[in-house]
């Protein structure tokens, strides 16, 4: 399935530069960035506005986004549009990921957002998330990086993609997002040992099929994107500077038990972590550790580009064809 806003038929003129607004409605945040984009050059963010909403916390027992959650979502989008002056953009790329994708009332949510804000959100599938994120990593590291295996841990889902070219040959998505798992499994403050053990067992079970990727031929370079993995790398470096800027299995084996024993206030004092993400960093750490083990990766290179950059790069490719 082709992301609707990247449809080649929408383009009649070849452009050398364009001002894009990129609205990312994720499971943790709503992020609107204004980007100056030129084909053949890296996209440059000129302004942005982020709101921590955590949509997964507004899912009810029927997996519907609640009326309160929808109200906050619409208010947040309106505020983001106002703060960034997105009406001056040549084009607005607006997309939603796991929280809305998995909600049982997603159609009603999308219709309400469009009616109240005039924004038409495109819901990405997990496979599309994996593909766009892989594109961003490939462009960041270049062709010489060879075989890349890219991991992205979001609030609602985990995406994995691998390939030697610009189009990955393997893509998958699992409902192993840090926010989702925290809400579903972790209890008490600090988290109870039983709930941590239950969460770890669930993650290991979900990742069992991925052990087959470990045995495929060819060298691979592990790449990590997303705020969760960047934060984990910062935490690891603060405990053991010798690990460098990348994220290793050894570092995760050291810091995950420490994070598991912390209270919420103690997690909030960790380097590079926001109060919003503090509760879910343990779930993210366990997913990262178990995914790296399943995929046979001892280290992840942290990539600053991810899904948003991949969408912008793909859009530029279509514009300039």
C-alpha atoms as a PDB file:
ATOM      1  CA  UNK A   1       0.000   0.000   0.000  1.00  0.00           C
ATOM      2  CA  UNK A   2       1.408   3.367  -1.038  1.00  0.00           C
ATOM      3  CA  UNK A   3       1.151   6.194   1.471  1.00  0.00           C
ATOM      4  CA  UNK A   4      -1.487   8.464  -0.082  1.00  0.00           C
ATOM      5  CA  UNK A   5       0.448  11.727   0.158  1.00  0.00           C
ATOM      6  CA  UNK A   6       3.347  10.151  -1.699  1.00  0.00           C
ATOM      7  CA  UNK A   7       1.304   9.355  -4.775  1.00  0.00           C
ATOM      8  CA  UNK A   8       3.209  10.215  -7.930  1.00  0.00           C
ATOM      9  CA  UNK A   9      -0.002  11.205  -9.667  1.00  0.00           C
ATOM     10  CA  UNK A  10      -0.277  14.205  -7.344  1.00  0.00           C
ATOM     11  CA  UNK A  11       2.761  15.833  -8.961  1.00  0.00           C
ATOM     12  CA  UNK A  12       2.809  17.658 -12.284  1.00  0.00           C
ATOM     13  CA  UNK A  13       5.878  19.864 -11.860  1.00  0.00           C
ATOM     14  CA  UNK A  14       9.422  19.096 -10.856  1.00  0.00           C
ATOM     15  CA  UNK A  15      10.414  21.150  -7.809  1.00  0.00           C
ATOM     16  CA  UNK A  16      13.886  21.955  -6.553  1.00  0.00           C
ATOM     17  CA  UNK A  17      12.754  23.135  -3.134  1.00  0.00           C
ATOM     18  CA  UNK A  18       9.618  22.935  -1.068  1.00  0.00           C
ATOM     19  CA  UNK A  19       8.445  24.002   2.383  1.00  0.00           C
ATOM     20  CA  UNK A  20       6.770  21.061   4.058  1.00  0.00           C
ATOM     21  CA  UNK A  21       4.789  20.739   7.239  1.00  0.00           C
ATOM     22  CA  UNK A  22       5.107  17.263   8.733  1.00  0.00           C
ATOM     23  CA  UNK A  23       2.480  16.340  11.323  1.00  0.00           C
ATOM     24  CA  UNK A  24       3.271  13.132  13.192  1.00  0.00           C
ATOM     25  CA  UNK A  25       0.455  11.870  15.431  1.00  0.00           C
ATOM     26  CA  UNK A  26       2.222   9.156  17.377  1.00  0.00           C
ATOM     27  CA  UNK A  27       1.377   7.052  20.397  1.00  0.00           C
ATOM     28  CA  UNK A  28       3.395   9.309  22.719  1.00  0.00           C
ATOM     29  CA  UNK A  29       3.465  12.737  21.107  1.00  0.00           C
ATOM     30  CA  UNK A  30       1.989  15.001  18.479  1.00  0.00           C
ATOM     31  CA  UNK A  31       4.846  16.612  16.627  1.00  0.00           C
ATOM     32  CA  UNK A  32       4.551  19.185  13.847  1.00  0.00           C
ATOM     33  CA  UNK A  33       7.755  20.280  12.127  1.00  0.00           C
ATOM     34  CA  UNK A  34       8.223  22.842   9.390  1.00  0.00           C
ATOM     35  CA  UNK A  35      10.910  21.618   7.015  1.00  0.00           C
ATOM     36  CA  UNK A  36      12.814  23.206   4.159  1.00  0.00           C
ATOM     37  CA  UNK A  37      13.407  20.367   1.757  1.00  0.00           C
ATOM     38  CA  UNK A  38      15.501  20.212  -1.398  1.00  0.00           C
ATOM     39  CA  UNK A  39      16.067  17.140  -3.523  1.00  0.00           C
ATOM     40  CA  UNK A  40      19.610  15.872  -3.004  1.00  0.00           C
ATOM     41  CA  UNK A  41      20.059  17.754   0.283  1.00  0.00           C
ATOM     42  CA  UNK A  42      19.163  16.806   3.855  1.00  0.00           C
ATOM     43  CA  UNK A  43      15.769  18.091   5.048  1.00  0.00           C
ATOM     44  CA  UNK A  44      16.208  20.980   7.470  1.00  0.00           C
ATOM     45  CA  UNK A  45      13.729  21.641  10.267  1.00  0.00           C
ATOM     46  CA  UNK A  46      13.090  25.368  10.670  1.00  0.00           C
ATOM     47  CA  UNK A  47      10.539  25.256  13.488  1.00  0.00           C
ATOM     48  CA  UNK A  48       8.484  22.760  15.386  1.00  0.00           C
ATOM     49  CA  UNK A  49       5.904  22.184  18.068  1.00  0.00           C
ATOM     50  CA  UNK A  50       5.530  19.057  20.192  1.00  0.00           C
ATOM     51  CA  UNK A  51       2.791  18.050  22.595  1.00  0.00           C
ATOM     52  CA  UNK A  52       3.073  15.051  24.905  1.00  0.00           C
ATOM     53  CA  UNK A  53      -0.347  13.427  24.683  1.00  0.00           C
ATOM     54  CA  UNK A  54       0.212   9.648  25.108  1.00  0.00           C
ATOM     55  CA  UNK A  55      -2.837   8.527  23.148  1.00  0.00           C
ATOM     56  CA  UNK A  56      -2.466   4.931  24.299  1.00  0.00           C
ATOM     57  CA  UNK A  57      -3.505   6.057  27.778  1.00  0.00           C
ATOM     58  CA  UNK A  58      -6.885   7.137  26.364  1.00  0.00           C
ATOM     59  CA  UNK A  59      -7.805   3.689  25.056  1.00  0.00           C
ATOM     60  CA  UNK A  60     -10.756   2.206  26.927  1.00  0.00           C
ATOM     61  CA  UNK A  61     -11.609  -1.445  27.586  1.00  0.00           C
ATOM     62  CA  UNK A  62     -13.013  -1.774  24.060  1.00  0.00           C
ATOM     63  CA  UNK A  63      -9.777  -0.391  22.590  1.00  0.00           C
ATOM     64  CA  UNK A  64     -11.493   2.827  21.561  1.00  0.00           C
ATOM     65  CA  UNK A  65      -9.918   6.256  21.922  1.00  0.00           C
ATOM     66  CA  UNK A  66     -12.102   7.925  24.534  1.00  0.00           C
ATOM     67  CA  UNK A  67     -14.064  11.132  24.038  1.00  0.00           C
ATOM     68  CA  UNK A  68     -11.581  12.907  26.288  1.00  0.00           C
ATOM     69  CA  UNK A  69      -8.666  11.563  24.254  1.00  0.00           C
ATOM     70  CA  UNK A  70     -10.284  12.683  20.989  1.00  0.00           C
ATOM     71  CA  UNK A  71     -10.981  16.134  22.416  1.00  0.00           C
ATOM     72  CA  UNK A  72      -7.343  16.512  23.489  1.00  0.00           C
ATOM     73  CA  UNK A  73      -6.125  15.195  20.142  1.00  0.00           C
ATOM     74  CA  UNK A  74      -8.132  17.782  18.184  1.00  0.00           C
ATOM     75  CA  UNK A  75      -7.096  20.581  20.537  1.00  0.00           C
ATOM     76  CA  UNK A  76      -3.430  19.567  20.235  1.00  0.00           C
ATOM     77  CA  UNK A  77      -3.502  19.496  16.436  1.00  0.00           C
ATOM     78  CA  UNK A  78      -5.144  22.935  16.302  1.00  0.00           C
ATOM     79  CA  UNK A  79      -2.512  24.301  18.687  1.00  0.00           C
ATOM     80  CA  UNK A  80       0.335  22.787  16.687  1.00  0.00           C
ATOM     81  CA  UNK A  81      -0.998  24.260  13.435  1.00  0.00           C
ATOM     82  CA  UNK A  82      -1.314  27.678  15.081  1.00  0.00           C
ATOM     83  CA  UNK A  83       2.108  27.683  16.746  1.00  0.00           C
ATOM     84  CA  UNK A  84       4.043  26.643  13.647  1.00  0.00           C
ATOM     85  CA  UNK A  85       2.146  28.658  11.050  1.00  0.00           C
ATOM     86  CA  UNK A  86       1.638  25.476   9.056  1.00  0.00           C
ATOM     87  CA  UNK A  87      -0.780  27.271   6.723  1.00  0.00           C
ATOM     88  CA  UNK A  88       2.284  28.778   5.034  1.00  0.00           C
ATOM     89  CA  UNK A  89       3.617  25.355   4.027  1.00  0.00           C
ATOM     90  CA  UNK A  90       3.541  24.273   0.401  1.00  0.00           C
ATOM     91  CA  UNK A  91       2.199  20.957   1.584  1.00  0.00           C
ATOM     92  CA  UNK A  92       1.211  19.296   4.849  1.00  0.00           C
ATOM     93  CA  UNK A  93       2.163  15.655   5.278  1.00  0.00           C
ATOM     94  CA  UNK A  94      -0.032  14.430   8.124  1.00  0.00           C
ATOM     95  CA  UNK A  95       0.127  10.874   9.368  1.00  0.00           C
ATOM     96  CA  UNK A  96      -0.809   8.735  12.354  1.00  0.00           C
ATOM     97  CA  UNK A  97       0.777   5.564  13.666  1.00  0.00           C
ATOM     98  CA  UNK A  98       0.019   2.743  16.088  1.00  0.00           C
ATOM     99  CA  UNK A  99      -2.351   4.333  18.627  1.00  0.00           C
ATOM    100  CA  UNK A 100      -4.896   5.397  16.000  1.00  0.00           C
ATOM    101  CA  UNK A 101      -4.135   2.451  13.707  1.00  0.00           C
ATOM    102  CA  UNK A 102      -5.029  -0.063  16.406  1.00  0.00           C
ATOM    103  CA  UNK A 103      -8.006   1.818  17.881  1.00  0.00           C
ATOM    104  CA  UNK A 104     -11.336   0.152  17.152  1.00  0.00           C
ATOM    105  CA  UNK A 105     -12.915   3.566  16.476  1.00  0.00           C
ATOM    106  CA  UNK A 106     -10.121   4.833  14.229  1.00  0.00           C
ATOM    107  CA  UNK A 107     -12.514   5.738  11.390  1.00  0.00           C
ATOM    108  CA  UNK A 108     -14.605   7.948  13.680  1.00  0.00           C
ATOM    109  CA  UNK A 109     -11.456   9.551  15.110  1.00  0.00           C
ATOM    110  CA  UNK A 110     -10.086  10.372  11.655  1.00  0.00           C
ATOM    111  CA  UNK A 111     -13.405  11.827  10.524  1.00  0.00           C
ATOM    112  CA  UNK A 112     -13.644  14.013  13.633  1.00  0.00           C
ATOM    113  CA  UNK A 113     -10.085  15.287  13.196  1.00  0.00           C
ATOM    114  CA  UNK A 114     -10.757  16.169   9.568  1.00  0.00           C
ATOM    115  CA  UNK A 115     -14.048  17.850  10.399  1.00  0.00           C
ATOM    116  CA  UNK A 116     -12.624  19.956  13.242  1.00  0.00           C
ATOM    117  CA  UNK A 117      -9.143  20.786  11.882  1.00  0.00           C
ATOM    118  CA  UNK A 118      -9.376  20.261   8.096  1.00  0.00           C
ATOM    119  CA  UNK A 119      -6.383  17.922   8.424  1.00  0.00           C
ATOM    120  CA  UNK A 120      -6.640  14.587   6.632  1.00  0.00           C
ATOM    121  CA  UNK A 121      -4.557  12.159   8.656  1.00  0.00           C
ATOM    122  CA  UNK A 122      -3.151   9.209   6.743  1.00  0.00           C
ATOM    123  CA  UNK A 123      -2.823   6.109   8.911  1.00  0.00           C
ATOM    124  CA  UNK A 124       0.409   4.257   8.257  1.00  0.00           C
ATOM    125  CA  UNK A 125       0.546   0.503   8.523  1.00  0.00           C
ATOM    126  CA  UNK A 126       3.319  -1.015  10.592  1.00  0.00           C
ATOM    127  CA  UNK A 127       5.012  -2.188   7.393  1.00  0.00           C
ATOM    128  CA  UNK A 128       4.939   1.340   5.977  1.00  0.00           C
ATOM    129  CA  UNK A 129       6.481   2.653   9.189  1.00  0.00           C
ATOM    130  CA  UNK A 130       9.264   0.089   8.874  1.00  0.00           C
ATOM    131  CA  UNK A 131       9.896   0.951   5.227  1.00  0.00           C
ATOM    132  CA  UNK A 132      10.032   4.732   5.679  1.00  0.00           C
ATOM    133  CA  UNK A 133      12.259   4.404   8.743  1.00  0.00           C
ATOM    134  CA  UNK A 134      14.602   2.110   6.844  1.00  0.00           C
ATOM    135  CA  UNK A 135      14.810   4.674   4.022  1.00  0.00           C
ATOM    136  CA  UNK A 136      15.848   7.353   6.527  1.00  0.00           C
ATOM    137  CA  UNK A 137      18.557   5.111   7.985  1.00  0.00           C
ATOM    138  CA  UNK A 138      19.840   4.143   4.547  1.00  0.00           C
ATOM    139  CA  UNK A 139      20.146   7.767   3.446  1.00  0.00           C
ATOM    140  CA  UNK A 140      21.836   8.697   6.735  1.00  0.00           C
ATOM    141  CA  UNK A 141      24.482   5.958   6.666  1.00  0.00           C
ATOM    142  CA  UNK A 142      24.821   5.715   2.885  1.00  0.00           C
ATOM    143  CA  UNK A 143      25.239   2.838   0.476  1.00  0.00           C
ATOM    144  CA  UNK A 144      28.669   1.939   1.818  1.00  0.00           C
ATOM    145  CA  UNK A 145      27.065   0.813   5.095  1.00  0.00           C
ATOM    146  CA  UNK A 146      25.900  -2.338   3.294  1.00  0.00           C
ATOM    147  CA  UNK A 147      23.440  -4.656   4.994  1.00  0.00           C
ATOM    148  CA  UNK A 148      21.390  -2.693   7.558  1.00  0.00           C
ATOM    149  CA  UNK A 149      19.080  -4.145  10.171  1.00  0.00           C
ATOM    150  CA  UNK A 150      16.982  -1.279  11.551  1.00  0.00           C
ATOM    151  CA  UNK A 151      15.049  -1.321  14.821  1.00  0.00           C
ATOM    152  CA  UNK A 152      12.568   1.380  15.829  1.00  0.00           C
ATOM    153  CA  UNK A 153      10.765   1.288  19.186  1.00  0.00           C
ATOM    154  CA  UNK A 154       7.763   3.582  19.277  1.00  0.00           C
ATOM    155  CA  UNK A 155       5.083   4.127  21.852  1.00  0.00           C
ATOM    156  CA  UNK A 156       2.702   1.604  20.312  1.00  0.00           C
ATOM    157  CA  UNK A 157       4.788  -0.720  18.164  1.00  0.00           C
ATOM    158  CA  UNK A 158       8.203  -2.104  17.277  1.00  0.00           C
ATOM    159  CA  UNK A 159       9.332  -1.970  13.656  1.00  0.00           C
ATOM    160  CA  UNK A 160      12.137  -4.036  12.136  1.00  0.00           C
ATOM    161  CA  UNK A 161      13.504  -3.764   8.592  1.00  0.00           C
ATOM    162  CA  UNK A 162      16.546  -5.173   6.853  1.00  0.00           C
ATOM    163  CA  UNK A 163      18.177  -4.858   3.446  1.00  0.00           C
ATOM    164  CA  UNK A 164      21.235  -3.983   1.394  1.00  0.00           C
ATOM    165  CA  UNK A 165      19.477  -1.535  -0.931  1.00  0.00           C
ATOM    166  CA  UNK A 166      17.183   1.445  -0.414  1.00  0.00           C
ATOM    167  CA  UNK A 167      14.098  -0.758  -0.371  1.00  0.00           C
ATOM    168  CA  UNK A 168      14.262  -3.265   2.502  1.00  0.00           C
ATOM    169  CA  UNK A 169      13.868  -6.927   1.678  1.00  0.00           C
ATOM    170  CA  UNK A 170      12.428  -7.689   5.111  1.00  0.00           C
ATOM    171  CA  UNK A 171       9.905  -5.613   7.101  1.00  0.00           C
ATOM    172  CA  UNK A 172       7.802  -6.384  10.138  1.00  0.00           C
ATOM    173  CA  UNK A 173       5.880  -4.677  12.907  1.00  0.00           C
ATOM    174  CA  UNK A 174       4.865  -5.962  16.336  1.00  0.00           C
ATOM    175  CA  UNK A 175       2.677  -4.463  19.033  1.00  0.00           C
ATOM    176  CA  UNK A 176       5.662  -4.061  21.358  1.00  0.00           C
ATOM    177  CA  UNK A 177       5.688  -0.309  21.848  1.00  0.00           C
ATOM    178  CA  UNK A 178       7.051   1.046  25.125  1.00  0.00           C
ATOM    179  CA  UNK A 179       3.940   2.995  26.120  1.00  0.00           C
ATOM    180  CA  UNK A 180       1.547   0.182  25.220  1.00  0.00           C
ATOM    181  CA  UNK A 181       3.528  -2.432  27.185  1.00  0.00           C
ATOM    182  CA  UNK A 182       3.899  -0.180  30.218  1.00  0.00           C
ATOM    183  CA  UNK A 183       0.136   0.389  30.363  1.00  0.00           C
ATOM    184  CA  UNK A 184      -0.672  -3.295  29.893  1.00  0.00           C
ATOM    185  CA  UNK A 185       1.919  -4.940  32.143  1.00  0.00           C
ATOM    186  CA  UNK A 186       3.830  -2.791  34.620  1.00  0.00           C
ATOM    187  CA  UNK A 187       2.371  -2.125  38.048  1.00  0.00           C
ATOM    188  CA  UNK A 188       3.310  -0.340  41.289  1.00  0.00           C
ATOM    189  CA  UNK A 189       6.113   2.118  42.023  1.00  0.00           C
ATOM    190  CA  UNK A 190       8.756   0.821  41.743  1.00  0.00           C
ATOM    191  CA  UNK A 191       7.417  -1.776  39.359  1.00  0.00           C
ATOM    192  CA  UNK A 192       6.760  -5.127  40.984  1.00  0.00           C
ATOM    193  CA  UNK A 193       9.176  -7.921  40.144  1.00  0.00           C
ATOM    194  CA  UNK A 194       6.281 -10.112  39.068  1.00  0.00           C
ATOM    195  CA  UNK A 195       4.998  -7.546  36.546  1.00  0.00           C
ATOM    196  CA  UNK A 196       8.504  -7.032  35.131  1.00  0.00           C
ATOM    197  CA  UNK A 197       8.919 -10.797  34.802  1.00  0.00           C
ATOM    198  CA  UNK A 198       5.516 -11.107  33.104  1.00  0.00           C
ATOM    199  CA  UNK A 199       6.404  -8.335  30.656  1.00  0.00           C
ATOM    200  CA  UNK A 200       9.789  -9.876  29.858  1.00  0.00           C
ATOM    201  CA  UNK A 201       8.223 -13.277  29.184  1.00  0.00           C
ATOM    202  CA  UNK A 202       5.645 -11.701  26.859  1.00  0.00           C
ATOM    203  CA  UNK A 203       8.327  -9.843  24.880  1.00  0.00           C
ATOM    204  CA  UNK A 204      10.497 -12.956  24.536  1.00  0.00           C
ATOM    205  CA  UNK A 205       7.529 -14.972  23.284  1.00  0.00           C
ATOM    206  CA  UNK A 206       6.590 -12.332  20.686  1.00  0.00           C
ATOM    207  CA  UNK A 207      10.177 -12.174  19.428  1.00  0.00           C
ATOM    208  CA  UNK A 208      10.720 -15.928  19.044  1.00  0.00           C
ATOM    209  CA  UNK A 209      10.090 -15.886  15.258  1.00  0.00           C
ATOM    210  CA  UNK A 210      12.831 -13.286  14.807  1.00  0.00           C
ATOM    211  CA  UNK A 211      15.601 -15.620  15.888  1.00  0.00           C
ATOM    212  CA  UNK A 212      15.507 -16.965  12.318  1.00  0.00           C
ATOM    213  CA  UNK A 213      16.894 -13.644  11.041  1.00  0.00           C
ATOM    214  CA  UNK A 214      20.014 -14.273  13.102  1.00  0.00           C
ATOM    215  CA  UNK A 215      20.943 -17.186  10.865  1.00  0.00           C
ATOM    216  CA  UNK A 216      20.529 -15.508   7.469  1.00  0.00           C
ATOM    217  CA  UNK A 217      23.704 -15.082   5.450  1.00  0.00           C
ATOM    218  CA  UNK A 218      25.648 -11.845   5.104  1.00  0.00           C
ATOM    219  CA  UNK A 219      27.080  -9.370   7.575  1.00  0.00           C
ATOM    220  CA  UNK A 220      24.661  -6.850   9.008  1.00  0.00           C
ATOM    221  CA  UNK A 221      24.963  -3.510  10.751  1.00  0.00           C
ATOM    222  CA  UNK A 222      22.450  -2.887  13.499  1.00  0.00           C
ATOM    223  CA  UNK A 223      20.794   0.538  13.503  1.00  0.00           C
ATOM    224  CA  UNK A 224      18.515   1.980  16.163  1.00  0.00           C
ATOM    225  CA  UNK A 225      16.122   4.868  15.645  1.00  0.00           C
ATOM    226  CA  UNK A 226      13.485   6.481  17.870  1.00  0.00           C
ATOM    227  CA  UNK A 227      13.567   8.574  21.013  1.00  0.00           C
ATOM    228  CA  UNK A 228      13.487   5.457  23.185  1.00  0.00           C
ATOM    229  CA  UNK A 229      16.717   4.049  21.797  1.00  0.00           C
ATOM    230  CA  UNK A 230      18.470   7.423  21.802  1.00  0.00           C
ATOM    231  CA  UNK A 231      17.528   7.850  25.462  1.00  0.00           C
ATOM    232  CA  UNK A 232      18.726   4.363  26.366  1.00  0.00           C
ATOM    233  CA  UNK A 233      22.074   5.112  24.706  1.00  0.00           C
ATOM    234  CA  UNK A 234      22.432   8.286  26.790  1.00  0.00           C
ATOM    235  CA  UNK A 235      21.607   6.423  29.992  1.00  0.00           C
ATOM    236  CA  UNK A 236      24.092   3.672  29.136  1.00  0.00           C
ATOM    237  CA  UNK A 237      26.825   6.213  28.447  1.00  0.00           C
ATOM    238  CA  UNK A 238      26.223   7.911  31.794  1.00  0.00           C
ATOM    239  CA  UNK A 239      26.787   4.619  33.622  1.00  0.00           C
ATOM    240  CA  UNK A 240      29.596   3.289  31.425  1.00  0.00           C
ATOM    241  CA  UNK A 241      31.260   5.885  29.174  1.00  0.00           C
ATOM    242  CA  UNK A 242      33.270   3.088  27.600  1.00  0.00           C
ATOM    243  CA  UNK A 243      30.210   1.966  25.656  1.00  0.00           C
ATOM    244  CA  UNK A 244      30.464   5.104  23.487  1.00  0.00           C
ATOM    245  CA  UNK A 245      27.501   6.719  21.751  1.00  0.00           C
ATOM    246  CA  UNK A 246      26.065   3.468  20.419  1.00  0.00           C
ATOM    247  CA  UNK A 247      23.868   1.031  22.324  1.00  0.00           C
ATOM    248  CA  UNK A 248      25.204  -2.428  23.156  1.00  0.00           C
ATOM    249  CA  UNK A 249      23.684  -5.578  24.595  1.00  0.00           C
ATOM    250  CA  UNK A 250      26.282  -5.412  27.370  1.00  0.00           C
ATOM    251  CA  UNK A 251      25.142  -1.895  28.277  1.00  0.00           C
ATOM    252  CA  UNK A 252      21.475  -2.891  28.293  1.00  0.00           C
ATOM    253  CA  UNK A 253      22.199  -5.912  30.478  1.00  0.00           C
ATOM    254  CA  UNK A 254      23.781  -3.477  32.919  1.00  0.00           C
ATOM    255  CA  UNK A 255      21.193  -0.693  32.941  1.00  0.00           C
ATOM    256  CA  UNK A 256      17.870  -2.548  32.545  1.00  0.00           C
ATOM    257  CA  UNK A 257      18.015  -4.161  36.030  1.00  0.00           C
ATOM    258  CA  UNK A 258      18.946  -0.782  37.514  1.00  0.00           C
ATOM    259  CA  UNK A 259      16.003   0.932  35.824  1.00  0.00           C
ATOM    260  CA  UNK A 260      13.699  -1.897  36.957  1.00  0.00           C
ATOM    261  CA  UNK A 261      14.554  -1.209  40.595  1.00  0.00           C
ATOM    262  CA  UNK A 262      13.933   2.547  40.363  1.00  0.00           C
ATOM    263  CA  UNK A 263      10.917   4.562  41.411  1.00  0.00           C
ATOM    264  CA  UNK A 264       9.251   6.829  38.891  1.00  0.00           C
ATOM    265  CA  UNK A 265      10.943   9.885  40.418  1.00  0.00           C
ATOM    266  CA  UNK A 266      14.332   8.190  40.138  1.00  0.00           C
ATOM    267  CA  UNK A 267      13.735   7.351  36.483  1.00  0.00           C
ATOM    268  CA  UNK A 268      12.838  10.989  35.817  1.00  0.00           C
ATOM    269  CA  UNK A 269      16.312  11.996  37.016  1.00  0.00           C
ATOM    270  CA  UNK A 270      18.043   9.834  34.398  1.00  0.00           C
ATOM    271  CA  UNK A 271      19.949  11.728  31.668  1.00  0.00           C
ATOM    272  CA  UNK A 272      18.069  12.666  28.526  1.00  0.00           C
ATOM    273  CA  UNK A 273      14.680  11.461  29.704  1.00  0.00           C
ATOM    274  CA  UNK A 274      11.491  13.496  29.886  1.00  0.00           C
ATOM    275  CA  UNK A 275       8.916  13.044  32.670  1.00  0.00           C
ATOM    276  CA  UNK A 276       6.487  11.703  30.072  1.00  0.00           C
ATOM    277  CA  UNK A 277       8.823   8.936  28.919  1.00  0.00           C
ATOM    278  CA  UNK A 278      10.232   8.034  32.337  1.00  0.00           C
ATOM    279  CA  UNK A 279       7.506   5.482  33.169  1.00  0.00           C
ATOM    280  CA  UNK A 280       7.992   3.609  29.875  1.00  0.00           C
ATOM    281  CA  UNK A 281      11.792   3.551  29.561  1.00  0.00           C
ATOM    282  CA  UNK A 282      11.996   0.169  31.305  1.00  0.00           C
ATOM    283  CA  UNK A 283       9.627  -1.469  28.818  1.00  0.00           C
ATOM    284  CA  UNK A 284      11.599   0.133  25.989  1.00  0.00           C
ATOM    285  CA  UNK A 285      14.853  -1.166  27.456  1.00  0.00           C
ATOM    286  CA  UNK A 286      13.561  -4.726  27.733  1.00  0.00           C
ATOM    287  CA  UNK A 287      12.251  -4.641  24.150  1.00  0.00           C
ATOM    288  CA  UNK A 288      15.601  -3.322  22.917  1.00  0.00           C
ATOM    289  CA  UNK A 289      17.583  -5.949  24.802  1.00  0.00           C
ATOM    290  CA  UNK A 290      15.439  -8.895  23.770  1.00  0.00           C
ATOM    291  CA  UNK A 291      15.128  -7.718  20.148  1.00  0.00           C
ATOM    292  CA  UNK A 292      18.907  -7.378  19.824  1.00  0.00           C
ATOM    293  CA  UNK A 293      19.384 -10.870  21.254  1.00  0.00           C
ATOM    294  CA  UNK A 294      16.755 -12.329  18.927  1.00  0.00           C
ATOM    295  CA  UNK A 295      18.337 -10.670  15.899  1.00  0.00           C
ATOM    296  CA  UNK A 296      21.901 -11.553  16.835  1.00  0.00           C
ATOM    297  CA  UNK A 297      23.001  -7.938  17.259  1.00  0.00           C
ATOM    298  CA  UNK A 298      25.615  -7.006  19.832  1.00  0.00           C
ATOM    299  CA  UNK A 299      25.430  -3.274  19.065  1.00  0.00           C
ATOM    300  CA  UNK A 300      23.154  -0.651  17.550  1.00  0.00           C
ATOM    301  CA  UNK A 301      24.399   2.478  15.803  1.00  0.00           C
ATOM    302  CA  UNK A 302      22.039   5.261  16.806  1.00  0.00           C
ATOM    303  CA  UNK A 303      20.537   7.095  13.835  1.00  0.00           C
ATOM    304  CA  UNK A 304      19.132  10.617  14.364  1.00  0.00           C
ATOM    305  CA  UNK A 305      16.780  10.221  11.392  1.00  0.00           C
ATOM    306  CA  UNK A 306      13.639   8.119  11.630  1.00  0.00           C
ATOM    307  CA  UNK A 307      10.072   7.932  10.333  1.00  0.00           C
ATOM    308  CA  UNK A 308       9.437  11.654   9.722  1.00  0.00           C
ATOM    309  CA  UNK A 309      12.651  12.076   7.749  1.00  0.00           C
ATOM    310  CA  UNK A 310      11.890   8.960   5.742  1.00  0.00           C
ATOM    311  CA  UNK A 311       8.492  10.321   4.736  1.00  0.00           C
ATOM    312  CA  UNK A 312      10.011  13.661   3.716  1.00  0.00           C
ATOM    313  CA  UNK A 313      12.733  11.942   1.680  1.00  0.00           C
ATOM    314  CA  UNK A 314      10.206   9.738  -0.090  1.00  0.00           C
ATOM    315  CA  UNK A 315       8.009  12.740  -0.853  1.00  0.00           C
ATOM    316  CA  UNK A 316      10.950  14.600  -2.364  1.00  0.00           C
ATOM    317  CA  UNK A 317      11.779  11.597  -4.516  1.00  0.00           C
ATOM    318  CA  UNK A 318       8.255  11.638  -5.929  1.00  0.00           C
ATOM    319  CA  UNK A 319       8.239  15.399  -6.464  1.00  0.00           C
ATOM    320  CA  UNK A 320      11.495  15.325  -8.383  1.00  0.00           C
ATOM    321  CA  UNK A 321      10.660  12.458 -10.685  1.00  0.00           C
END
